[in-house]
Amino acid sequence: QVVVPEEVFFTVAAAGILENLLILIAVVRNKNLHLPMYFFICSLAISDMLGSLYKTLENIFIILCKMGYLTRHGDFEKKLDDAMDSMFILSLLGSIFSLLAIAADRYITIFYALRYHNIMTLRRALVILAIIWTFCAGSSIAIALFSYEAATVIPFTILFPLMMFFILCLYVHMFLLARSHAKKIASLPTSTVHHRTNMKGAITLTIFLGVFLCCWAPFVLHILLARFCPHNPYCACYMSIFHVNGTLIMCNAIINPMIFAFRSPELRSTFKKMFYC
């Protein structure tokens, strides 16, 4: 087993939770950020926080088991394990659907720029988020309770690449048609600046997608291998880096806020005001 030192583990987790908490506070405090796009970003930040919290609590419980305070086969520990699994699935599904919502929002911004504020209202964005989190919460509980059934594991693992493929297709379509769309609105005032801003947002979200895949895909692969070939020597070799894959999830929670802060002048300004009171 490749073991990540506990000090490193908890430091990365704490940094991820604090950074995403800063994003939430910044959006709440700055009324200029009360827009659908930033609400979807907050949804992604909450998902990242849940991922870091899940791995932190899991590591704490593993330490308690090693010290003899918890047994691995008790009824309370079984319920605790189900709750932890539910939190992990909620974090993963929340991240996927938040990324999908952000991608759809960028798509509407670029290709329906003149009607964007009529299509994506603040109320509609909140309804979308309510539906997303209700679905994710229900799915996470159901999957956690029946996680030992292949019929549950297979749809869950298929959902990950399927949603990623859909988002990727959305981005490819977005970039392929961006130039032709830019020509159509070139005659409008400030269209060039507006288009550049939208494309910058699309590039930012493409970075989010790449980081998300790099950080979450290894852990999802671990789940598949643990379910379908736990005794295969090659699978066992890959599963020996379980702690590294768990740390990658928490690194995603650290990287995303850095991308927000680096790419968004409004967020950078809000952070400065917060830090300097």
C-alpha atoms as a PDB file:
ATOM      1  CA  GLN A   1       0.000   0.000   0.000  1.00  0.00           C
ATOM      2  CA  VAL A   2       1.186   3.479  -0.905  1.00  0.00           C
ATOM      3  CA  VAL A   3       0.337   5.535   2.186  1.00  0.00           C
ATOM      4  CA  VAL A   4      -0.001   9.320   2.226  1.00  0.00           C
ATOM      5  CA  PRO A   5       1.239  10.828   5.526  1.00  0.00           C
ATOM      6  CA  GLU A   6      -1.674  11.872   7.732  1.00  0.00           C
ATOM      7  CA  GLU A   7      -0.242  15.373   8.161  1.00  0.00           C
ATOM      8  CA  VAL A   8      -0.265  15.901   4.386  1.00  0.00           C
ATOM      9  CA  PHE A   9      -3.734  14.377   4.105  1.00  0.00           C
ATOM     10  CA  PHE A  10      -5.338  16.632   6.713  1.00  0.00           C
ATOM     11  CA  THR A  11      -3.493  19.742   5.481  1.00  0.00           C
ATOM     12  CA  VAL A  12      -4.758  19.249   1.916  1.00  0.00           C
ATOM     13  CA  ALA A  13      -8.304  18.562   3.172  1.00  0.00           C
ATOM     14  CA  ALA A  14      -8.377  21.631   5.428  1.00  0.00           C
ATOM     15  CA  ALA A  15      -7.027  23.857   2.632  1.00  0.00           C
ATOM     16  CA  GLY A  16      -9.717  22.598   0.222  1.00  0.00           C
ATOM     17  CA  ILE A  17     -12.532  23.196   2.700  1.00  0.00           C
ATOM     18  CA  LEU A  18     -11.320  26.712   3.607  1.00  0.00           C
ATOM     19  CA  GLU A  19     -10.755  27.786  -0.003  1.00  0.00           C
ATOM     20  CA  ASN A  20     -14.233  26.719  -1.114  1.00  0.00           C
ATOM     21  CA  LEU A  21     -15.736  28.319   1.972  1.00  0.00           C
ATOM     22  CA  LEU A  22     -14.077  31.588   0.873  1.00  0.00           C
ATOM     23  CA  ILE A  23     -15.765  31.242  -2.532  1.00  0.00           C
ATOM     24  CA  LEU A  24     -19.179  30.854  -0.884  1.00  0.00           C
ATOM     25  CA  ILE A  25     -18.617  33.829   1.443  1.00  0.00           C
ATOM     26  CA  ALA A  26     -17.380  35.996  -1.452  1.00  0.00           C
ATOM     27  CA  VAL A  27     -20.468  35.272  -3.559  1.00  0.00           C
ATOM     28  CA  VAL A  28     -22.824  35.873  -0.626  1.00  0.00           C
ATOM     29  CA  ARG A  29     -21.169  39.178   0.323  1.00  0.00           C
ATOM     30  CA  ASN A  30     -20.819  40.674  -3.181  1.00  0.00           C
ATOM     31  CA  LYS A  31     -24.211  41.470  -4.722  1.00  0.00           C
ATOM     32  CA  ASN A  32     -22.568  41.829  -8.142  1.00  0.00           C
ATOM     33  CA  LEU A  33     -21.909  38.082  -7.986  1.00  0.00           C
ATOM     34  CA  HIS A  34     -25.557  37.193  -7.418  1.00  0.00           C
ATOM     35  CA  LEU A  35     -25.798  35.763 -10.934  1.00  0.00           C
ATOM     36  CA  PRO A  36     -26.768  32.273 -12.177  1.00  0.00           C
ATOM     37  CA  MET A  37     -23.186  31.488 -13.240  1.00  0.00           C
ATOM     38  CA  TYR A  38     -21.774  32.197  -9.770  1.00  0.00           C
ATOM     39  CA  PHE A  39     -24.587  30.262  -8.123  1.00  0.00           C
ATOM     40  CA  PHE A  40     -23.602  27.235 -10.218  1.00  0.00           C
ATOM     41  CA  ILE A  41     -19.973  27.825  -9.202  1.00  0.00           C
ATOM     42  CA  CYS A  42     -21.101  27.827  -5.553  1.00  0.00           C
ATOM     43  CA  SER A  43     -22.792  24.482  -6.186  1.00  0.00           C
ATOM     44  CA  LEU A  44     -19.470  23.119  -7.477  1.00  0.00           C
ATOM     45  CA  ALA A  45     -17.680  24.590  -4.429  1.00  0.00           C
ATOM     46  CA  ILE A  46     -20.121  22.803  -2.083  1.00  0.00           C
ATOM     47  CA  SER A  47     -19.461  19.538  -3.918  1.00  0.00           C
ATOM     48  CA  ASP A  48     -15.710  20.040  -3.523  1.00  0.00           C
ATOM     49  CA  MET A  49     -16.139  20.730   0.191  1.00  0.00           C
ATOM     50  CA  LEU A  50     -18.142  17.535   0.589  1.00  0.00           C
ATOM     51  CA  GLY A  51     -15.391  15.578  -1.173  1.00  0.00           C
ATOM     52  CA  SER A  52     -12.703  16.933   1.161  1.00  0.00           C
ATOM     53  CA  LEU A  53     -14.930  16.421   4.206  1.00  0.00           C
ATOM     54  CA  TYR A  54     -15.685  12.841   3.179  1.00  0.00           C
ATOM     55  CA  LYS A  55     -12.013  11.883   2.841  1.00  0.00           C
ATOM     56  CA  THR A  56     -11.158  13.671   6.119  1.00  0.00           C
ATOM     57  CA  LEU A  57     -13.857  11.873   8.118  1.00  0.00           C
ATOM     58  CA  GLU A  58     -13.023   8.551   6.478  1.00  0.00           C
ATOM     59  CA  ASN A  59      -9.376   8.927   7.468  1.00  0.00           C
ATOM     60  CA  ILE A  60     -10.362   9.828  11.041  1.00  0.00           C
ATOM     61  CA  PHE A  61     -12.543   6.715  11.308  1.00  0.00           C
ATOM     62  CA  ILE A  62      -9.728   4.526   9.919  1.00  0.00           C
ATOM     63  CA  ILE A  63      -7.400   5.922  12.598  1.00  0.00           C
ATOM     64  CA  LEU A  64     -10.032   5.222  15.280  1.00  0.00           C
ATOM     65  CA  CYS A  65     -10.378   1.641  14.006  1.00  0.00           C
ATOM     66  CA  LYS A  66      -6.625   1.123  14.208  1.00  0.00           C
ATOM     67  CA  MET A  67      -6.626   2.467  17.761  1.00  0.00           C
ATOM     68  CA  GLY A  68      -9.420   0.052  18.722  1.00  0.00           C
ATOM     69  CA  TYR A  69     -12.153   2.621  19.407  1.00  0.00           C
ATOM     70  CA  LEU A  70     -14.299   1.325  16.528  1.00  0.00           C
ATOM     71  CA  THR A  71     -14.866  -2.185  15.205  1.00  0.00           C
ATOM     72  CA  ARG A  72     -15.198  -2.824  11.499  1.00  0.00           C
ATOM     73  CA  HIS A  73     -18.182  -5.164  11.725  1.00  0.00           C
ATOM     74  CA  GLY A  74     -20.507  -3.492  14.240  1.00  0.00           C
ATOM     75  CA  ASP A  75     -24.015  -2.253  13.370  1.00  0.00           C
ATOM     76  CA  PHE A  76     -23.154   1.376  14.185  1.00  0.00           C
ATOM     77  CA  GLU A  77     -19.988   1.178  12.073  1.00  0.00           C
ATOM     78  CA  LYS A  78     -21.988  -0.275   9.152  1.00  0.00           C
ATOM     79  CA  LYS A  79     -24.412   2.653   9.267  1.00  0.00           C
ATOM     80  CA  LEU A  80     -21.478   5.042   9.567  1.00  0.00           C
ATOM     81  CA  ASP A  81     -19.852   3.454   6.522  1.00  0.00           C
ATOM     82  CA  ASP A  82     -23.097   3.813   4.534  1.00  0.00           C
ATOM     83  CA  ALA A  83     -23.326   7.487   5.535  1.00  0.00           C
ATOM     84  CA  MET A  84     -19.726   8.061   4.403  1.00  0.00           C
ATOM     85  CA  ASP A  85     -20.361   6.318   1.079  1.00  0.00           C
ATOM     86  CA  SER A  86     -23.474   8.433   0.617  1.00  0.00           C
ATOM     87  CA  MET A  87     -21.445  11.620   1.181  1.00  0.00           C
ATOM     88  CA  PHE A  88     -18.842  10.510  -1.368  1.00  0.00           C
ATOM     89  CA  ILE A  89     -21.481   9.741  -4.012  1.00  0.00           C
ATOM     90  CA  LEU A  90     -23.263  13.030  -3.264  1.00  0.00           C
ATOM     91  CA  SER A  91     -19.976  14.890  -3.783  1.00  0.00           C
ATOM     92  CA  LEU A  92     -19.268  13.122  -7.079  1.00  0.00           C
ATOM     93  CA  LEU A  93     -22.789  13.507  -8.483  1.00  0.00           C
ATOM     94  CA  GLY A  94     -22.970  17.115  -7.266  1.00  0.00           C
ATOM     95  CA  SER A  95     -19.698  17.919  -9.052  1.00  0.00           C
ATOM     96  CA  ILE A  96     -20.809  16.247 -12.301  1.00  0.00           C
ATOM     97  CA  PHE A  97     -24.205  17.952 -12.445  1.00  0.00           C
ATOM     98  CA  SER A  98     -22.774  21.313 -11.326  1.00  0.00           C
ATOM     99  CA  LEU A  99     -20.254  21.114 -14.176  1.00  0.00           C
ATOM    100  CA  LEU A 100     -23.086  20.231 -16.537  1.00  0.00           C
ATOM    101  CA  ALA A 101     -25.142  23.216 -15.332  1.00  0.00           C
ATOM    102  CA  ILE A 102     -22.131  25.546 -15.748  1.00  0.00           C
ATOM    103  CA  ALA A 103     -21.490  24.186 -19.251  1.00  0.00           C
ATOM    104  CA  ALA A 104     -25.152  24.712 -20.222  1.00  0.00           C
ATOM    105  CA  ASP A 105     -25.043  28.238 -18.770  1.00  0.00           C
ATOM    106  CA  ARG A 106     -21.926  29.080 -20.845  1.00  0.00           C
ATOM    107  CA  TYR A 107     -23.544  27.583 -23.930  1.00  0.00           C
ATOM    108  CA  ILE A 108     -26.614  29.804 -23.530  1.00  0.00           C
ATOM    109  CA  THR A 109     -24.397  32.834 -22.826  1.00  0.00           C
ATOM    110  CA  ILE A 110     -22.433  32.380 -26.049  1.00  0.00           C
ATOM    111  CA  PHE A 111     -25.144  31.310 -28.492  1.00  0.00           C
ATOM    112  CA  TYR A 112     -28.166  33.102 -27.061  1.00  0.00           C
ATOM    113  CA  ALA A 113     -26.403  36.192 -25.715  1.00  0.00           C
ATOM    114  CA  LEU A 114     -29.255  38.602 -26.473  1.00  0.00           C
ATOM    115  CA  ARG A 115     -31.857  36.413 -24.749  1.00  0.00           C
ATOM    116  CA  TYR A 116     -29.649  35.078 -21.962  1.00  0.00           C
ATOM    117  CA  HIS A 117     -31.250  37.100 -19.150  1.00  0.00           C
ATOM    118  CA  ASN A 118     -34.713  35.955 -20.237  1.00  0.00           C
ATOM    119  CA  ILE A 119     -33.699  32.297 -20.537  1.00  0.00           C
ATOM    120  CA  MET A 120     -31.474  31.948 -17.458  1.00  0.00           C
ATOM    121  CA  THR A 121     -33.131  33.965 -14.709  1.00  0.00           C
ATOM    122  CA  LEU A 122     -31.985  33.828 -11.105  1.00  0.00           C
ATOM    123  CA  ARG A 123     -35.183  32.051 -10.084  1.00  0.00           C
ATOM    124  CA  ARG A 124     -34.738  29.453 -12.833  1.00  0.00           C
ATOM    125  CA  ALA A 125     -31.135  28.875 -11.772  1.00  0.00           C
ATOM    126  CA  LEU A 126     -32.229  28.251  -8.170  1.00  0.00           C
ATOM    127  CA  VAL A 127     -34.904  25.797  -9.349  1.00  0.00           C
ATOM    128  CA  ILE A 128     -32.286  23.950 -11.420  1.00  0.00           C
ATOM    129  CA  LEU A 129     -29.966  23.735  -8.403  1.00  0.00           C
ATOM    130  CA  ALA A 130     -32.804  22.514  -6.176  1.00  0.00           C
ATOM    131  CA  ILE A 131     -33.613  19.747  -8.687  1.00  0.00           C
ATOM    132  CA  ILE A 132     -29.932  18.805  -9.036  1.00  0.00           C
ATOM    133  CA  TRP A 133     -29.305  18.482  -5.299  1.00  0.00           C
ATOM    134  CA  THR A 134     -32.598  16.691  -4.627  1.00  0.00           C
ATOM    135  CA  PHE A 135     -31.763  14.141  -7.317  1.00  0.00           C
ATOM    136  CA  CYS A 136     -28.152  13.793  -6.113  1.00  0.00           C
ATOM    137  CA  ALA A 137     -29.208  13.343  -2.472  1.00  0.00           C
ATOM    138  CA  GLY A 138     -31.788  10.692  -3.344  1.00  0.00           C
ATOM    139  CA  SER A 139     -29.398   8.877  -5.676  1.00  0.00           C
ATOM    140  CA  SER A 140     -26.542   8.937  -3.161  1.00  0.00           C
ATOM    141  CA  ILE A 141     -28.703   7.373  -0.435  1.00  0.00           C
ATOM    142  CA  ALA A 142     -30.052   4.695  -2.801  1.00  0.00           C
ATOM    143  CA  ILE A 143     -26.620   3.820  -4.207  1.00  0.00           C
ATOM    144  CA  ALA A 144     -25.024   3.714  -0.729  1.00  0.00           C
ATOM    145  CA  LEU A 145     -27.730   1.354   0.599  1.00  0.00           C
ATOM    146  CA  PHE A 146     -27.480  -1.023  -2.367  1.00  0.00           C
ATOM    147  CA  SER A 147     -23.783  -0.545  -3.166  1.00  0.00           C
ATOM    148  CA  TYR A 148     -23.112  -4.287  -2.932  1.00  0.00           C
ATOM    149  CA  GLU A 149     -25.406  -5.019  -5.873  1.00  0.00           C
ATOM    150  CA  ALA A 150     -23.830  -5.056  -9.345  1.00  0.00           C
ATOM    151  CA  ALA A 151     -27.057  -3.593 -10.743  1.00  0.00           C
ATOM    152  CA  THR A 152     -26.381  -0.473  -8.646  1.00  0.00           C
ATOM    153  CA  VAL A 153     -22.633  -0.166  -9.223  1.00  0.00           C
ATOM    154  CA  ILE A 154     -22.786  -0.509 -13.022  1.00  0.00           C
ATOM    155  CA  PRO A 155     -25.234   2.397 -13.707  1.00  0.00           C
ATOM    156  CA  PHE A 156     -23.318   4.611 -11.255  1.00  0.00           C
ATOM    157  CA  THR A 157     -19.963   3.972 -12.932  1.00  0.00           C
ATOM    158  CA  ILE A 158     -21.477   4.331 -16.423  1.00  0.00           C
ATOM    159  CA  LEU A 159     -22.966   7.690 -15.434  1.00  0.00           C
ATOM    160  CA  PHE A 160     -19.509   9.202 -14.856  1.00  0.00           C
ATOM    161  CA  PRO A 161     -18.063   8.722 -18.386  1.00  0.00           C
ATOM    162  CA  LEU A 162     -21.474   9.336 -19.971  1.00  0.00           C
ATOM    163  CA  MET A 163     -21.910  12.752 -18.342  1.00  0.00           C
ATOM    164  CA  MET A 164     -18.278  13.655 -19.041  1.00  0.00           C
ATOM    165  CA  PHE A 165     -18.744  12.738 -22.710  1.00  0.00           C
ATOM    166  CA  PHE A 166     -21.910  14.850 -22.903  1.00  0.00           C
ATOM    167  CA  ILE A 167     -20.173  17.873 -21.364  1.00  0.00           C
ATOM    168  CA  LEU A 168     -17.193  17.389 -23.683  1.00  0.00           C
ATOM    169  CA  CYS A 169     -19.496  17.306 -26.735  1.00  0.00           C
ATOM    170  CA  LEU A 170     -21.135  20.509 -25.490  1.00  0.00           C
ATOM    171  CA  TYR A 171     -17.735  22.226 -25.263  1.00  0.00           C
ATOM    172  CA  VAL A 172     -16.609  20.994 -28.692  1.00  0.00           C
ATOM    173  CA  HIS A 173     -19.842  22.249 -30.231  1.00  0.00           C
ATOM    174  CA  MET A 174     -19.406  25.525 -28.342  1.00  0.00           C
ATOM    175  CA  PHE A 175     -15.915  26.173 -29.699  1.00  0.00           C
ATOM    176  CA  LEU A 176     -16.676  25.016 -33.259  1.00  0.00           C
ATOM    177  CA  LEU A 177     -19.614  27.398 -33.639  1.00  0.00           C
ATOM    178  CA  ALA A 178     -18.135  30.295 -31.686  1.00  0.00           C
ATOM    179  CA  ARG A 179     -16.467  31.894 -34.716  1.00  0.00           C
ATOM    180  CA  SER A 180     -19.538  31.789 -36.924  1.00  0.00           C
ATOM    181  CA  HIS A 181     -21.639  33.167 -34.098  1.00  0.00           C
ATOM    182  CA  ALA A 182     -19.105  35.960 -33.537  1.00  0.00           C
ATOM    183  CA  LYS A 183     -19.484  37.045 -37.173  1.00  0.00           C
ATOM    184  CA  LYS A 184     -23.251  37.262 -36.804  1.00  0.00           C
ATOM    185  CA  ILE A 185     -23.043  39.610 -33.807  1.00  0.00           C
ATOM    186  CA  ALA A 186     -19.958  41.523 -35.003  1.00  0.00           C
ATOM    187  CA  SER A 187     -22.072  44.492 -36.021  1.00  0.00           C
ATOM    188  CA  LEU A 188     -23.516  44.921 -32.534  1.00  0.00           C
ATOM    189  CA  PRO A 189     -21.936  47.422 -30.072  1.00  0.00           C
ATOM    190  CA  THR A 190     -19.398  45.895 -27.632  1.00  0.00           C
ATOM    191  CA  SER A 191     -20.034  42.497 -29.244  1.00  0.00           C
ATOM    192  CA  THR A 192     -16.311  41.771 -29.541  1.00  0.00           C
ATOM    193  CA  VAL A 193     -15.682  42.460 -25.863  1.00  0.00           C
ATOM    194  CA  HIS A 194     -18.766  40.488 -24.891  1.00  0.00           C
ATOM    195  CA  HIS A 195     -17.741  37.556 -27.071  1.00  0.00           C
ATOM    196  CA  ARG A 196     -14.204  37.528 -25.666  1.00  0.00           C
ATOM    197  CA  THR A 197     -15.615  37.512 -22.134  1.00  0.00           C
ATOM    198  CA  ASN A 198     -17.877  34.575 -22.956  1.00  0.00           C
ATOM    199  CA  MET A 199     -15.060  32.628 -24.598  1.00  0.00           C
ATOM    200  CA  LYS A 200     -12.856  33.301 -21.584  1.00  0.00           C
ATOM    201  CA  GLY A 201     -15.598  31.790 -19.430  1.00  0.00           C
ATOM    202  CA  ALA A 202     -15.792  28.758 -21.734  1.00  0.00           C
ATOM    203  CA  ILE A 203     -12.007  28.264 -21.538  1.00  0.00           C
ATOM    204  CA  THR A 204     -12.145  28.520 -17.733  1.00  0.00           C
ATOM    205  CA  LEU A 205     -14.804  25.832 -17.572  1.00  0.00           C
ATOM    206  CA  THR A 206     -12.801  23.627 -19.939  1.00  0.00           C
ATOM    207  CA  ILE A 207      -9.944  23.854 -17.420  1.00  0.00           C
ATOM    208  CA  PHE A 208     -12.422  22.859 -14.660  1.00  0.00           C
ATOM    209  CA  LEU A 209     -13.443  19.816 -16.690  1.00  0.00           C
ATOM    210  CA  GLY A 210      -9.839  18.733 -17.293  1.00  0.00           C
ATOM    211  CA  VAL A 211      -8.928  19.111 -13.614  1.00  0.00           C
ATOM    212  CA  PHE A 212     -12.074  17.245 -12.553  1.00  0.00           C
ATOM    213  CA  LEU A 213     -11.286  14.290 -14.834  1.00  0.00           C
ATOM    214  CA  CYS A 214      -7.662  14.070 -13.665  1.00  0.00           C
ATOM    215  CA  CYS A 215      -8.668  14.163  -9.988  1.00  0.00           C
ATOM    216  CA  TRP A 216     -11.799  11.983  -9.932  1.00  0.00           C
ATOM    217  CA  ALA A 217     -11.290   9.409 -12.719  1.00  0.00           C
ATOM    218  CA  PRO A 218      -8.564   7.408 -10.841  1.00  0.00           C
ATOM    219  CA  PHE A 219     -10.851   7.005  -7.801  1.00  0.00           C
ATOM    220  CA  VAL A 220     -13.844   5.952  -9.936  1.00  0.00           C
ATOM    221  CA  LEU A 221     -11.590   3.398 -11.658  1.00  0.00           C
ATOM    222  CA  HIS A 222     -10.586   2.110  -8.212  1.00  0.00           C
ATOM    223  CA  ILE A 223     -14.284   1.558  -7.348  1.00  0.00           C
ATOM    224  CA  LEU A 224     -14.794  -0.426 -10.566  1.00  0.00           C
ATOM    225  CA  LEU A 225     -11.740  -2.609 -10.013  1.00  0.00           C
ATOM    226  CA  ALA A 226     -12.608  -3.222  -6.353  1.00  0.00           C
ATOM    227  CA  ARG A 227     -16.074  -4.419  -7.398  1.00  0.00           C
ATOM    228  CA  PHE A 228     -15.292  -6.532 -10.457  1.00  0.00           C
ATOM    229  CA  CYS A 229     -11.703  -7.829 -10.105  1.00  0.00           C
ATOM    230  CA  PRO A 230     -10.558  -7.477  -6.466  1.00  0.00           C
ATOM    231  CA  HIS A 231      -8.280 -10.538  -6.588  1.00  0.00           C
ATOM    232  CA  ASN A 232      -6.615  -9.886  -9.942  1.00  0.00           C
ATOM    233  CA  PRO A 233      -2.909  -9.041  -9.334  1.00  0.00           C
ATOM    234  CA  TYR A 234      -2.959  -6.113 -11.768  1.00  0.00           C
ATOM    235  CA  CYS A 235      -6.116  -4.695 -10.179  1.00  0.00           C
ATOM    236  CA  ALA A 236      -4.623  -5.216  -6.713  1.00  0.00           C
ATOM    237  CA  CYS A 237      -1.496  -3.359  -7.837  1.00  0.00           C
ATOM    238  CA  TYR A 238      -3.578  -0.372  -8.942  1.00  0.00           C
ATOM    239  CA  MET A 239      -5.712  -0.457  -5.801  1.00  0.00           C
ATOM    240  CA  SER A 240      -2.565  -0.157  -3.677  1.00  0.00           C
ATOM    241  CA  ILE A 241      -2.533   3.588  -4.495  1.00  0.00           C
ATOM    242  CA  PHE A 242      -5.974   4.111  -2.931  1.00  0.00           C
ATOM    243  CA  HIS A 243      -4.690   6.855  -0.615  1.00  0.00           C
ATOM    244  CA  VAL A 244      -3.075   8.700  -3.512  1.00  0.00           C
ATOM    245  CA  ASN A 245      -6.360   8.643  -5.457  1.00  0.00           C
ATOM    246  CA  GLY A 246      -8.188   9.936  -2.378  1.00  0.00           C
ATOM    247  CA  THR A 247      -5.694  12.776  -2.052  1.00  0.00           C
ATOM    248  CA  LEU A 248      -6.280  13.698  -5.712  1.00  0.00           C
ATOM    249  CA  ILE A 249      -9.977  14.266  -4.938  1.00  0.00           C
ATOM    250  CA  MET A 250      -9.016  16.757  -2.252  1.00  0.00           C
ATOM    251  CA  CYS A 251      -6.495  18.413  -4.589  1.00  0.00           C
ATOM    252  CA  ASN A 252      -9.418  19.107  -6.922  1.00  0.00           C
ATOM    253  CA  ALA A 253     -11.055  21.062  -4.095  1.00  0.00           C
ATOM    254  CA  ILE A 254      -7.880  23.170  -3.791  1.00  0.00           C
ATOM    255  CA  ILE A 255      -7.314  23.746  -7.512  1.00  0.00           C
ATOM    256  CA  ASN A 256     -10.853  24.862  -8.434  1.00  0.00           C
ATOM    257  CA  PRO A 257     -10.928  27.952  -6.144  1.00  0.00           C
ATOM    258  CA  MET A 258      -7.485  28.926  -7.475  1.00  0.00           C
ATOM    259  CA  ILE A 259      -8.896  28.829 -11.011  1.00  0.00           C
ATOM    260  CA  PHE A 260     -11.883  30.940  -9.899  1.00  0.00           C
ATOM    261  CA  ALA A 261      -9.608  33.532  -8.289  1.00  0.00           C
ATOM    262  CA  PHE A 262      -7.153  33.598 -11.195  1.00  0.00           C
ATOM    263  CA  ARG A 263      -9.756  33.861 -13.987  1.00  0.00           C
ATOM    264  CA  SER A 264     -12.384  36.119 -12.379  1.00  0.00           C
ATOM    265  CA  PRO A 265     -11.467  39.801 -11.726  1.00  0.00           C
ATOM    266  CA  GLU A 266     -14.688  40.269  -9.746  1.00  0.00           C
ATOM    267  CA  LEU A 267     -13.804  37.438  -7.370  1.00  0.00           C
ATOM    268  CA  ARG A 268     -10.238  38.705  -7.008  1.00  0.00           C
ATOM    269  CA  SER A 269     -11.580  42.124  -6.063  1.00  0.00           C
ATOM    270  CA  THR A 270     -13.983  40.586  -3.538  1.00  0.00           C
ATOM    271  CA  PHE A 271     -11.201  38.513  -1.961  1.00  0.00           C
ATOM    272  CA  LYS A 272      -9.022  41.627  -1.572  1.00  0.00           C
ATOM    273  CA  LYS A 273     -11.849  43.467   0.180  1.00  0.00           C
ATOM    274  CA  MET A 274     -12.435  40.489   2.465  1.00  0.00           C
ATOM    275  CA  PHE A 275      -8.758  40.108   3.386  1.00  0.00           C
ATOM    276  CA  TYR A 276      -8.257  43.824   3.976  1.00  0.00           C
ATOM    277  CA  CYS A 277     -11.607  44.131   5.805  1.00  0.00           C
END
